[in-house]
N, C-alpha and C. Protein backbone atom coordinates (compact mmCIF):
# COMPACT_ATOMS: atom_id res chain seq x y z
N MET A 1 163.01 -34.07 94.09
CA MET A 1 162.11 -33.44 93.15
C MET A 1 161.17 -34.50 92.59
N LYS A 2 159.91 -34.19 92.47
CA LYS A 2 158.92 -35.12 91.96
C LYS A 2 158.87 -35.05 90.44
N TYR A 3 158.78 -36.22 89.81
CA TYR A 3 158.71 -36.30 88.35
C TYR A 3 157.34 -35.84 87.86
N THR A 4 157.34 -35.10 86.79
CA THR A 4 156.09 -34.73 86.12
C THR A 4 156.24 -34.99 84.63
N GLU A 5 155.14 -35.19 83.96
CA GLU A 5 155.14 -35.41 82.51
C GLU A 5 155.80 -34.24 81.80
N ASN A 6 155.63 -33.05 82.34
CA ASN A 6 156.21 -31.85 81.74
C ASN A 6 157.74 -31.94 81.69
N MET A 7 158.34 -32.61 82.66
CA MET A 7 159.80 -32.74 82.68
C MET A 7 160.29 -33.52 81.46
N LEU A 8 159.56 -34.57 81.10
CA LEU A 8 159.94 -35.35 79.93
C LEU A 8 159.86 -34.50 78.67
N THR A 9 158.75 -33.77 78.52
CA THR A 9 158.62 -32.96 77.30
C THR A 9 159.69 -31.86 77.26
N GLN A 10 160.05 -31.31 78.41
CA GLN A 10 161.11 -30.31 78.45
C GLN A 10 162.44 -30.92 78.02
N ARG A 11 162.76 -32.09 78.54
CA ARG A 11 164.02 -32.75 78.19
C ARG A 11 164.05 -33.11 76.70
N VAL A 12 162.94 -33.57 76.17
CA VAL A 12 162.89 -33.92 74.75
C VAL A 12 163.08 -32.65 73.92
N ASN A 13 162.41 -31.58 74.28
CA ASN A 13 162.59 -30.32 73.56
C ASN A 13 164.03 -29.83 73.62
N GLU A 14 164.66 -29.93 74.79
CA GLU A 14 166.07 -29.52 74.94
C GLU A 14 166.97 -30.37 74.06
N ALA A 15 166.73 -31.67 74.07
CA ALA A 15 167.55 -32.58 73.26
C ALA A 15 167.36 -32.30 71.77
N MET A 16 166.13 -32.02 71.37
CA MET A 16 165.88 -31.70 69.96
C MET A 16 166.62 -30.43 69.56
N ARG A 17 166.56 -29.40 70.41
CA ARG A 17 167.28 -28.16 70.11
C ARG A 17 168.78 -28.40 70.02
N ALA A 18 169.32 -29.14 70.98
CA ALA A 18 170.76 -29.39 71.01
C ALA A 18 171.23 -30.17 69.79
N ARG A 19 170.40 -31.07 69.31
CA ARG A 19 170.75 -31.90 68.15
C ARG A 19 170.21 -31.34 66.83
N LYS A 20 169.50 -30.22 66.91
CA LYS A 20 168.89 -29.60 65.73
C LYS A 20 167.98 -30.59 64.99
N ILE A 21 167.15 -31.25 65.78
CA ILE A 21 166.18 -32.21 65.25
C ILE A 21 164.82 -31.55 65.23
N THR A 22 164.15 -31.62 64.09
CA THR A 22 162.83 -31.03 63.95
C THR A 22 161.75 -32.00 64.42
N GLN A 23 160.55 -31.46 64.62
CA GLN A 23 159.43 -32.33 64.97
C GLN A 23 159.17 -33.34 63.87
N ALA A 24 159.33 -32.94 62.62
CA ALA A 24 159.12 -33.85 61.50
C ALA A 24 160.14 -35.00 61.54
N GLN A 25 161.39 -34.69 61.87
CA GLN A 25 162.41 -35.73 61.96
C GLN A 25 162.13 -36.68 63.12
N LEU A 26 161.72 -36.11 64.27
CA LEU A 26 161.37 -36.95 65.41
C LEU A 26 160.16 -37.82 65.07
N ALA A 27 159.20 -37.25 64.37
CA ALA A 27 158.01 -38.00 63.97
C ALA A 27 158.40 -39.20 63.10
N GLU A 28 159.34 -39.00 62.20
CA GLU A 28 159.78 -40.10 61.34
C GLU A 28 160.41 -41.22 62.17
N VAL A 29 161.24 -40.86 63.13
CA VAL A 29 161.88 -41.85 64.00
C VAL A 29 160.83 -42.61 64.81
N LEU A 30 159.81 -41.91 65.28
CA LEU A 30 158.79 -42.51 66.12
C LEU A 30 157.69 -43.21 65.31
N GLY A 31 157.70 -43.00 64.00
CA GLY A 31 156.65 -43.59 63.17
C GLY A 31 155.30 -42.94 63.37
N LEU A 32 155.34 -41.64 63.66
CA LEU A 32 154.12 -40.87 63.91
C LEU A 32 154.04 -39.71 62.93
N SER A 33 152.90 -39.06 62.89
CA SER A 33 152.79 -37.83 62.13
C SER A 33 153.39 -36.68 62.94
N GLN A 34 153.74 -35.62 62.27
CA GLN A 34 154.28 -34.45 62.95
C GLN A 34 153.24 -33.89 63.91
N GLN A 35 151.97 -33.98 63.57
CA GLN A 35 150.90 -33.49 64.42
C GLN A 35 150.82 -34.29 65.73
N HIS A 36 151.04 -35.61 65.65
CA HIS A 36 151.03 -36.43 66.86
C HIS A 36 152.21 -36.09 67.76
N VAL A 37 153.37 -35.85 67.15
CA VAL A 37 154.54 -35.46 67.95
C VAL A 37 154.30 -34.11 68.61
N SER A 38 153.73 -33.19 67.88
CA SER A 38 153.41 -31.88 68.43
C SER A 38 152.49 -32.01 69.64
N ALA A 39 151.48 -32.85 69.52
CA ALA A 39 150.53 -33.06 70.62
C ALA A 39 151.25 -33.63 71.85
N ARG A 40 152.20 -34.52 71.62
CA ARG A 40 152.96 -35.08 72.74
C ARG A 40 153.85 -34.02 73.38
N LEU A 41 154.51 -33.23 72.55
CA LEU A 41 155.41 -32.20 73.07
C LEU A 41 154.66 -31.09 73.80
N LEU A 42 153.41 -30.88 73.45
CA LEU A 42 152.58 -29.89 74.13
C LEU A 42 151.89 -30.46 75.37
N GLY A 43 152.04 -31.76 75.57
CA GLY A 43 151.44 -32.40 76.74
C GLY A 43 149.99 -32.79 76.56
N HIS A 44 149.48 -32.73 75.32
CA HIS A 44 148.09 -33.10 75.08
C HIS A 44 147.90 -34.62 75.10
N THR A 45 148.92 -35.33 74.65
CA THR A 45 148.94 -36.80 74.73
C THR A 45 150.29 -37.21 75.28
N ARG A 46 150.36 -38.42 75.77
CA ARG A 46 151.60 -38.88 76.41
C ARG A 46 152.48 -39.68 75.45
N PHE A 47 153.77 -39.61 75.70
CA PHE A 47 154.70 -40.48 74.98
C PHE A 47 154.50 -41.90 75.48
N THR A 48 154.66 -42.86 74.59
CA THR A 48 154.55 -44.27 74.97
C THR A 48 155.93 -44.79 75.37
N VAL A 49 155.95 -45.98 75.92
CA VAL A 49 157.22 -46.62 76.28
C VAL A 49 158.06 -46.81 75.02
N ALA A 50 157.42 -47.20 73.92
CA ALA A 50 158.14 -47.37 72.66
C ALA A 50 158.73 -46.04 72.19
N ASP A 51 157.97 -44.95 72.36
CA ASP A 51 158.48 -43.61 72.01
C ASP A 51 159.71 -43.29 72.84
N LEU A 52 159.62 -43.57 74.13
CA LEU A 52 160.72 -43.29 75.05
C LEU A 52 161.98 -44.04 74.64
N ALA A 53 161.84 -45.31 74.31
CA ALA A 53 162.99 -46.12 73.88
C ALA A 53 163.60 -45.58 72.59
N ALA A 54 162.76 -45.22 71.63
CA ALA A 54 163.26 -44.69 70.36
C ALA A 54 163.96 -43.34 70.55
N MET A 55 163.40 -42.49 71.42
CA MET A 55 164.02 -41.18 71.66
C MET A 55 165.35 -41.34 72.40
N ALA A 56 165.41 -42.26 73.34
CA ALA A 56 166.67 -42.50 74.06
C ALA A 56 167.75 -42.93 73.07
N ASN A 57 167.38 -43.79 72.14
CA ASN A 57 168.33 -44.24 71.12
C ASN A 57 168.76 -43.06 70.24
N LEU A 58 167.81 -42.26 69.82
CA LEU A 58 168.09 -41.10 68.97
C LEU A 58 169.00 -40.10 69.67
N PHE A 59 168.74 -39.84 70.95
CA PHE A 59 169.49 -38.83 71.70
C PHE A 59 170.73 -39.41 72.40
N ASN A 60 171.00 -40.70 72.17
CA ASN A 60 172.18 -41.35 72.73
C ASN A 60 172.21 -41.24 74.26
N CYS A 61 171.10 -41.60 74.88
CA CYS A 61 171.02 -41.60 76.34
C CYS A 61 170.14 -42.77 76.75
N THR A 62 169.93 -42.92 78.02
CA THR A 62 169.05 -44.00 78.49
C THR A 62 167.64 -43.44 78.69
N PRO A 63 166.63 -44.30 78.67
CA PRO A 63 165.29 -43.82 79.01
C PRO A 63 165.25 -43.19 80.39
N GLY A 64 166.01 -43.74 81.32
CA GLY A 64 166.06 -43.19 82.67
C GLY A 64 166.56 -41.76 82.69
N GLU A 65 167.51 -41.45 81.82
CA GLU A 65 168.01 -40.08 81.76
C GLU A 65 166.95 -39.13 81.24
N LEU A 66 166.13 -39.59 80.31
CA LEU A 66 165.04 -38.74 79.81
C LEU A 66 163.98 -38.53 80.89
N LEU A 67 163.80 -39.52 81.73
CA LEU A 67 162.77 -39.46 82.76
C LEU A 67 163.25 -38.89 84.08
N ALA A 68 164.55 -38.68 84.23
CA ALA A 68 165.10 -38.24 85.51
C ALA A 68 164.46 -36.95 85.98
N ALA A 69 164.08 -36.94 87.24
CA ALA A 69 163.42 -35.77 87.81
C ALA A 69 164.41 -34.70 88.25
N ASP A 70 165.66 -35.10 88.47
CA ASP A 70 166.64 -34.11 88.89
C ASP A 70 167.60 -33.81 87.74
N ASP A 71 168.49 -32.91 87.96
CA ASP A 71 169.44 -32.52 86.93
C ASP A 71 170.62 -33.49 86.92
N VAL A 72 170.42 -34.62 86.26
CA VAL A 72 171.50 -35.59 86.17
C VAL A 72 172.42 -35.21 85.02
N LEU A 73 173.63 -35.66 85.10
CA LEU A 73 174.55 -35.46 84.00
C LEU A 73 174.35 -36.61 83.02
N PHE A 74 174.08 -36.29 81.79
CA PHE A 74 173.87 -37.31 80.79
C PHE A 74 175.21 -37.91 80.40
N SER A 75 175.25 -39.23 80.27
CA SER A 75 176.50 -39.93 80.01
C SER A 75 177.22 -39.36 78.80
N GLU A 76 176.67 -39.56 77.63
CA GLU A 76 177.28 -38.99 76.44
C GLU A 76 176.20 -38.42 75.53
N GLY A 77 174.98 -38.48 75.97
CA GLY A 77 173.86 -38.03 75.17
C GLY A 77 173.51 -36.59 75.43
N LEU A 78 172.27 -36.30 75.25
CA LEU A 78 171.71 -34.97 75.42
C LEU A 78 172.80 -33.96 75.65
């Protein structure tokens, strides 16, 4: 399966739902406004490498697991 940017936003949305994390809470972790997080989740702008690292830490997974194109089993995260 080929990786697409949409896969990352889907995984982030799934992780947020599973952990009951709001866009405002994610924005605080990323040091962004809620509007910037919304734009990233909608695919209007891209997540940065720093965003990816912070989200992996928040969701207790690796950046690779967030970026995985196939249905990998997350170690203890997501």
